Amino acid sequence: MSNMVEQIDKAVAAHGLWKTRLGQSIAGTLSLNPGEIGVDNRCEFGKWLHSLGGTSAASDPHYKEVFELHKAFHKAAAEVVTKVIAGDKIGAKASVGLQGEYTAVSSRLTTKLVEWKRKASKAT
């Protein structure tokens, strides 16, 4: 289970950096590809998460929630970049703002990751 705790810690940190990357994209200082961002099994955490499919971990309700939220996170991040590319910086900024879709999904993902980590920590 310590591997799970480690993977979750890495995921929280890595996905936390996306707000900065998206801000850079909105500012025009970082070019991102929404097609790549929107795929949830390319990042290290996504690869690990997908690798758990069919294992006992996959039957854990936390896994299922995190899996779906992780997918939604990548979709929301890709939508921000799509707005930037389309010239809709106001819409992109709204998505990463306090009431934005990206912010909401990111927050839910982080909350569920922390809950899953707590459960995994107790199991060791």
N, C-alpha and C. Protein backbone atom coordinates (compact mmCIF):
# COMPACT_ATOMS: atom_id res chain seq x y z
N MET A 1 0.81 -1.21 0.00
CA MET A 1 0.00 0.00 0.00
C MET A 1 0.85 1.27 0.00
N SER A 2 2.07 1.18 0.46
CA SER A 2 2.91 2.39 0.46
C SER A 2 3.13 2.90 -0.96
N ASN A 3 3.17 1.98 -1.94
CA ASN A 3 3.27 2.40 -3.33
C ASN A 3 2.06 3.24 -3.71
N MET A 4 0.89 2.86 -3.21
CA MET A 4 -0.33 3.62 -3.50
C MET A 4 -0.23 5.02 -2.92
N VAL A 5 0.21 5.13 -1.68
CA VAL A 5 0.36 6.43 -1.03
C VAL A 5 1.34 7.29 -1.83
N GLU A 6 2.43 6.70 -2.25
CA GLU A 6 3.44 7.42 -3.04
C GLU A 6 2.85 7.89 -4.37
N GLN A 7 2.12 7.02 -5.05
CA GLN A 7 1.51 7.39 -6.33
C GLN A 7 0.49 8.52 -6.15
N ILE A 8 -0.28 8.46 -5.09
CA ILE A 8 -1.27 9.51 -4.83
C ILE A 8 -0.59 10.83 -4.51
N ASP A 9 0.48 10.80 -3.71
CA ASP A 9 1.23 12.03 -3.43
C ASP A 9 1.76 12.65 -4.71
N LYS A 10 2.33 11.83 -5.57
CA LYS A 10 2.86 12.32 -6.85
C LYS A 10 1.73 12.91 -7.70
N ALA A 11 0.59 12.24 -7.69
CA ALA A 11 -0.55 12.70 -8.50
C ALA A 11 -1.05 14.06 -8.04
N VAL A 12 -1.16 14.24 -6.73
CA VAL A 12 -1.63 15.52 -6.20
C VAL A 12 -0.66 16.63 -6.63
N ALA A 13 0.63 16.38 -6.51
CA ALA A 13 1.63 17.38 -6.90
C ALA A 13 1.59 17.65 -8.40
N ALA A 14 1.59 16.60 -9.21
CA ALA A 14 1.63 16.76 -10.67
C ALA A 14 0.38 17.46 -11.19
N HIS A 15 -0.77 17.09 -10.66
CA HIS A 15 -2.00 17.69 -11.16
C HIS A 15 -2.18 19.11 -10.62
N GLY A 16 -1.56 19.40 -9.49
CA GLY A 16 -1.57 20.77 -8.98
C GLY A 16 -0.83 21.73 -9.89
N LEU A 17 0.18 21.22 -10.59
CA LEU A 17 0.95 22.06 -11.51
C LEU A 17 0.17 22.45 -12.76
N TRP A 18 -0.90 21.74 -13.04
CA TRP A 18 -1.67 22.04 -14.25
C TRP A 18 -2.29 23.42 -14.21
N LYS A 19 -2.68 23.91 -13.06
CA LYS A 19 -3.26 25.26 -12.99
C LYS A 19 -2.24 26.28 -13.48
N THR A 20 -0.98 26.09 -13.11
CA THR A 20 0.09 26.98 -13.58
C THR A 20 0.25 26.86 -15.09
N ARG A 21 0.29 25.64 -15.60
CA ARG A 21 0.44 25.42 -17.04
C ARG A 21 -0.71 26.05 -17.82
N LEU A 22 -1.91 25.88 -17.30
CA LEU A 22 -3.07 26.45 -17.99
C LEU A 22 -3.02 27.98 -17.96
N GLY A 23 -2.55 28.53 -16.84
CA GLY A 23 -2.37 29.98 -16.75
C GLY A 23 -1.36 30.47 -17.77
N GLN A 24 -0.30 29.71 -17.95
CA GLN A 24 0.71 30.06 -18.95
C GLN A 24 0.13 29.96 -20.36
N SER A 25 -0.71 28.99 -20.59
CA SER A 25 -1.37 28.84 -21.88
C SER A 25 -2.27 30.04 -22.16
N ILE A 26 -3.04 30.45 -21.17
CA ILE A 26 -3.93 31.60 -21.30
C ILE A 26 -3.11 32.86 -21.57
N ALA A 27 -1.97 32.99 -20.89
CA ALA A 27 -1.10 34.16 -21.07
C ALA A 27 -0.34 34.13 -22.39
N GLY A 28 -0.37 33.00 -23.06
CA GLY A 28 0.31 32.89 -24.35
C GLY A 28 1.78 32.55 -24.24
N THR A 29 2.22 32.10 -23.06
CA THR A 29 3.64 31.78 -22.88
C THR A 29 3.92 30.28 -22.95
N LEU A 30 2.87 29.46 -23.10
CA LEU A 30 3.06 28.01 -23.19
C LEU A 30 2.04 27.46 -24.18
N SER A 31 2.54 26.74 -25.16
CA SER A 31 1.66 26.13 -26.15
C SER A 31 1.35 24.70 -25.73
N LEU A 32 0.08 24.39 -25.63
CA LEU A 32 -0.35 23.06 -25.20
C LEU A 32 -1.27 22.45 -26.26
N ASN A 33 -1.31 21.14 -26.31
CA ASN A 33 -2.14 20.42 -27.27
C ASN A 33 -3.33 19.80 -26.53
N PRO A 34 -4.55 20.29 -26.80
CA PRO A 34 -5.71 19.76 -26.09
C PRO A 34 -5.95 18.27 -26.36
N GLY A 35 -5.59 17.80 -27.53
CA GLY A 35 -5.76 16.38 -27.84
C GLY A 35 -4.91 15.49 -26.94
N GLU A 36 -3.71 15.96 -26.62
CA GLU A 36 -2.83 15.19 -25.72
C GLU A 36 -3.27 15.32 -24.27
N ILE A 37 -3.65 16.53 -23.88
CA ILE A 37 -4.05 16.78 -22.49
C ILE A 37 -5.33 16.03 -22.14
N GLY A 38 -6.22 15.91 -23.10
CA GLY A 38 -7.52 15.29 -22.85
C GLY A 38 -7.49 13.80 -22.63
N VAL A 39 -6.36 13.16 -22.91
CA VAL A 39 -6.23 11.71 -22.73
C VAL A 39 -5.77 11.45 -21.29
N ASP A 40 -6.53 10.62 -20.58
CA ASP A 40 -6.26 10.43 -19.15
C ASP A 40 -5.27 9.32 -18.83
N ASN A 41 -4.70 8.67 -19.83
CA ASN A 41 -3.76 7.58 -19.53
C ASN A 41 -2.35 7.86 -20.04
N ARG A 42 -2.03 9.12 -20.27
CA ARG A 42 -0.67 9.47 -20.72
C ARG A 42 0.21 9.99 -19.60
N CYS A 43 -0.40 10.63 -18.60
CA CYS A 43 0.40 11.11 -17.47
C CYS A 43 0.79 9.90 -16.61
N GLU A 44 1.81 10.07 -15.79
CA GLU A 44 2.29 8.95 -14.96
C GLU A 44 1.18 8.38 -14.08
N PHE A 45 0.40 9.26 -13.46
CA PHE A 45 -0.67 8.79 -12.59
C PHE A 45 -1.73 8.05 -13.40
N GLY A 46 -2.07 8.56 -14.56
CA GLY A 46 -3.06 7.91 -15.40
C GLY A 46 -2.61 6.52 -15.83
N LYS A 47 -1.33 6.39 -16.17
CA LYS A 47 -0.79 5.07 -16.54
C LYS A 47 -0.93 4.11 -15.37
N TRP A 48 -0.55 4.58 -14.18
CA TRP A 48 -0.64 3.76 -12.98
C TRP A 48 -2.10 3.39 -12.69
N LEU A 49 -2.98 4.38 -12.77
CA LEU A 49 -4.40 4.17 -12.48
C LEU A 49 -4.98 3.13 -13.43
N HIS A 50 -4.68 3.25 -14.71
CA HIS A 50 -5.18 2.29 -15.69
C HIS A 50 -4.58 0.89 -15.44
N SER A 51 -3.36 0.84 -14.93
CA SER A 51 -2.71 -0.45 -14.68
C SER A 51 -3.41 -1.22 -13.56
N LEU A 52 -4.17 -0.52 -12.72
CA LEU A 52 -4.87 -1.17 -11.61
C LEU A 52 -6.17 -1.85 -12.05
N GLY A 53 -6.62 -1.55 -13.26
CA GLY A 53 -7.84 -2.18 -13.76
C GLY A 53 -7.73 -3.69 -13.69
N GLY A 54 -8.77 -4.34 -13.18
CA GLY A 54 -8.75 -5.79 -13.07
C GLY A 54 -8.07 -6.32 -11.81
N THR A 55 -7.48 -5.43 -11.01
CA THR A 55 -6.87 -5.85 -9.75
C THR A 55 -7.87 -5.64 -8.62
N SER A 56 -7.52 -6.08 -7.42
CA SER A 56 -8.41 -5.88 -6.28
C SER A 56 -8.60 -4.39 -5.97
N ALA A 57 -7.60 -3.58 -6.27
CA ALA A 57 -7.72 -2.13 -6.04
C ALA A 57 -8.84 -1.52 -6.87
N ALA A 58 -9.10 -2.09 -8.04
CA ALA A 58 -10.13 -1.55 -8.93
C ALA A 58 -11.54 -1.70 -8.36
N SER A 59 -11.71 -2.57 -7.38
CA SER A 59 -13.04 -2.73 -6.77
C SER A 59 -13.27 -1.73 -5.64
N ASP A 60 -12.24 -1.00 -5.27
CA ASP A 60 -12.35 0.01 -4.22
C ASP A 60 -13.17 1.20 -4.75
N PRO A 61 -14.20 1.63 -4.01
CA PRO A 61 -14.99 2.78 -4.46
C PRO A 61 -14.14 4.04 -4.69
N HIS A 62 -13.07 4.20 -3.90
CA HIS A 62 -12.19 5.36 -4.10
C HIS A 62 -11.54 5.30 -5.48
N TYR A 63 -11.12 4.11 -5.87
CA TYR A 63 -10.49 3.94 -7.19
C TYR A 63 -11.47 4.38 -8.27
N LYS A 64 -12.69 3.89 -8.18
CA LYS A 64 -13.68 4.20 -9.22
C LYS A 64 -13.95 5.69 -9.30
N GLU A 65 -14.09 6.33 -8.15
CA GLU A 65 -14.34 7.78 -8.14
C GLU A 65 -13.13 8.55 -8.68
N VAL A 66 -11.94 8.18 -8.23
CA VAL A 66 -10.72 8.85 -8.69
C VAL A 66 -10.53 8.63 -10.19
N PHE A 67 -10.81 7.43 -10.65
CA PHE A 67 -10.66 7.12 -12.08
C PHE A 67 -11.54 8.05 -12.91
N GLU A 68 -12.81 8.19 -12.52
CA GLU A 68 -13.74 9.04 -13.27
C GLU A 68 -13.37 10.52 -13.13
N LEU A 69 -12.99 10.95 -11.94
CA LEU A 69 -12.61 12.35 -11.74
C LEU A 69 -11.32 12.68 -12.49
N HIS A 70 -10.39 11.74 -12.55
CA HIS A 70 -9.15 11.95 -13.28
C HIS A 70 -9.45 12.15 -14.77
N LYS A 71 -10.35 11.34 -15.29
CA LYS A 71 -10.77 11.47 -16.69
C LYS A 71 -11.41 12.85 -16.91
N ALA A 72 -12.30 13.26 -15.99
CA ALA A 72 -12.97 14.56 -16.08
C ALA A 72 -11.97 15.71 -15.96
N PHE A 73 -10.96 15.53 -15.12
CA PHE A 73 -9.91 16.54 -14.96
C PHE A 73 -9.20 16.80 -16.29
N HIS A 74 -8.79 15.73 -16.94
CA HIS A 74 -8.08 15.89 -18.22
C HIS A 74 -8.98 16.50 -19.29
N LYS A 75 -10.25 16.13 -19.28
CA LYS A 75 -11.21 16.70 -20.22
C LYS A 75 -11.36 18.20 -19.97
N ALA A 76 -11.49 18.59 -18.70
CA ALA A 76 -11.66 20.00 -18.35
C ALA A 76 -10.41 20.81 -18.71
N ALA A 77 -9.23 20.24 -18.46
CA ALA A 77 -7.98 20.93 -18.81
C ALA A 77 -7.88 21.11 -20.32
N ALA A 78 -8.25 20.09 -21.07
CA ALA A 78 -8.23 20.17 -22.54
C ALA A 78 -9.20 21.23 -23.03
N GLU A 79 -10.35 21.35 -22.37
CA GLU A 79 -11.34 22.36 -22.77
C GLU A 79 -10.80 23.76 -22.56
N VAL A 80 -10.04 23.97 -21.50
CA VAL A 80 -9.43 25.29 -21.27
C VAL A 80 -8.49 25.63 -22.43
N VAL A 81 -7.65 24.68 -22.80
CA VAL A 81 -6.69 24.91 -23.89
C VAL A 81 -7.43 25.10 -25.22
N THR A 82 -8.50 24.36 -25.44
CA THR A 82 -9.29 24.52 -26.65
C THR A 82 -9.85 25.94 -26.73
N LYS A 83 -10.30 26.47 -25.61
CA LYS A 83 -10.80 27.86 -25.57
C LYS A 83 -9.68 28.84 -25.89
N VAL A 84 -8.50 28.60 -25.34
CA VAL A 84 -7.36 29.49 -25.62
C VAL A 84 -7.07 29.50 -27.12
N ILE A 85 -7.01 28.31 -27.71
CA ILE A 85 -6.70 28.20 -29.14
C ILE A 85 -7.77 28.88 -29.99
N ALA A 86 -9.02 28.82 -29.53
CA ALA A 86 -10.13 29.44 -30.26
C ALA A 86 -10.19 30.95 -30.03
N GLY A 87 -9.30 31.47 -29.19
CA GLY A 87 -9.28 32.91 -28.93
C GLY A 87 -10.20 33.33 -27.80
N ASP A 88 -10.78 32.38 -27.08
CA ASP A 88 -11.70 32.67 -25.98
C ASP A 88 -10.95 32.68 -24.65
N LYS A 89 -10.10 33.68 -24.49
CA LYS A 89 -9.32 33.74 -23.24
C LYS A 89 -10.20 34.04 -22.04
N ILE A 90 -11.28 34.79 -22.26
CA ILE A 90 -12.21 35.08 -21.15
C ILE A 90 -12.85 33.78 -20.66
N GLY A 91 -13.28 32.94 -21.58
CA GLY A 91 -13.86 31.64 -21.22
C GLY A 91 -12.85 30.74 -20.54
N ALA A 92 -11.62 30.77 -21.06
CA ALA A 92 -10.55 29.95 -20.47
C ALA A 92 -10.27 30.41 -19.04
N LYS A 93 -10.19 31.74 -18.85
CA LYS A 93 -9.94 32.28 -17.51
C LYS A 93 -11.09 31.92 -16.57
N ALA A 94 -12.31 31.95 -17.08
CA ALA A 94 -13.47 31.59 -16.25
C ALA A 94 -13.39 30.13 -15.80
N SER A 95 -12.92 29.24 -16.68
CA SER A 95 -12.81 27.82 -16.34
C SER A 95 -11.83 27.57 -15.21
N VAL A 96 -10.75 28.35 -15.18
CA VAL A 96 -9.75 28.16 -14.13
C VAL A 96 -9.98 29.09 -12.94
N GLY A 97 -11.03 29.90 -13.01
CA GLY A 97 -11.37 30.81 -11.92
C GLY A 97 -12.04 30.07 -10.77
N LEU A 98 -12.39 30.80 -9.73
CA LEU A 98 -12.95 30.20 -8.52
C LEU A 98 -14.22 29.39 -8.77
N GLN A 99 -15.07 29.84 -9.68
CA GLN A 99 -16.33 29.14 -9.96
C GLN A 99 -16.26 28.30 -11.23
N GLY A 100 -15.08 28.14 -11.78
CA GLY A 100 -14.93 27.47 -13.07
C GLY A 100 -15.00 25.96 -13.02
N GLU A 101 -15.32 25.37 -14.17
CA GLU A 101 -15.45 23.92 -14.30
C GLU A 101 -14.12 23.22 -13.99
N TYR A 102 -13.02 23.71 -14.57
CA TYR A 102 -11.72 23.09 -14.32
C TYR A 102 -11.42 23.11 -12.82
N THR A 103 -11.62 24.25 -12.19
CA THR A 103 -11.33 24.40 -10.77
C THR A 103 -12.18 23.43 -9.94
N ALA A 104 -13.45 23.28 -10.29
CA ALA A 104 -14.34 22.38 -9.56
C ALA A 104 -13.89 20.93 -9.69
N VAL A 105 -13.58 20.51 -10.90
CA VAL A 105 -13.14 19.12 -11.12
C VAL A 105 -11.80 18.87 -10.43
N SER A 106 -10.89 19.81 -10.55
CA SER A 106 -9.58 19.68 -9.93
C SER A 106 -9.70 19.55 -8.42
N SER A 107 -10.56 20.35 -7.83
CA SER A 107 -10.77 20.32 -6.38
C SER A 107 -11.37 18.99 -5.95
N ARG A 108 -12.36 18.50 -6.69
CA ARG A 108 -12.98 17.21 -6.35
C ARG A 108 -11.96 16.08 -6.48
N LEU A 109 -11.14 16.13 -7.53
CA LEU A 109 -10.11 15.10 -7.71
C LEU A 109 -9.14 15.10 -6.54
N THR A 110 -8.66 16.27 -6.16
CA THR A 110 -7.70 16.37 -5.05
C THR A 110 -8.32 15.85 -3.76
N THR A 111 -9.57 16.22 -3.50
CA THR A 111 -10.26 15.76 -2.28
C THR A 111 -10.34 14.24 -2.26
N LYS A 112 -10.73 13.64 -3.38
CA LYS A 112 -10.86 12.18 -3.43
C LYS A 112 -9.50 11.49 -3.32
N LEU A 113 -8.48 12.09 -3.91
CA LEU A 113 -7.13 11.53 -3.79
C LEU A 113 -6.68 11.51 -2.33
N VAL A 114 -6.94 12.60 -1.63
CA VAL A 114 -6.55 12.69 -0.22
C VAL A 114 -7.32 11.65 0.61
N GLU A 115 -8.62 11.49 0.31
CA GLU A 115 -9.41 10.47 1.03
C GLU A 115 -8.85 9.07 0.77
N TRP A 116 -8.53 8.80 -0.48
CA TRP A 116 -7.99 7.49 -0.86
C TRP A 116 -6.65 7.25 -0.19
N LYS A 117 -5.83 8.30 -0.12
CA LYS A 117 -4.53 8.20 0.53
C LYS A 117 -4.71 7.86 2.02
N ARG A 118 -5.66 8.54 2.67
CA ARG A 118 -5.92 8.27 4.09
C ARG A 118 -6.30 6.81 4.30
N LYS A 119 -7.17 6.32 3.45
CA LYS A 119 -7.61 4.92 3.55
C LYS A 119 -6.43 3.98 3.32
N ALA A 120 -5.62 4.26 2.30
CA ALA A 120 -4.45 3.41 1.98
C ALA A 120 -3.44 3.46 3.12
N SER A 121 -3.26 4.62 3.74
CA SER A 121 -2.30 4.76 4.85
C SER A 121 -2.73 3.93 6.05
N LYS A 122 -4.03 3.87 6.31
CA LYS A 122 -4.54 3.09 7.43
C LYS A 122 -4.40 1.59 7.19
N ALA A 123 -4.40 1.21 5.92
CA ALA A 123 -4.33 -0.21 5.56
C ALA A 123 -2.93 -0.79 5.71
N THR A 124 -1.94 0.10 5.84
CA THR A 124 -0.55 -0.42 5.94
C THR A 124 -0.17 -0.68 7.37
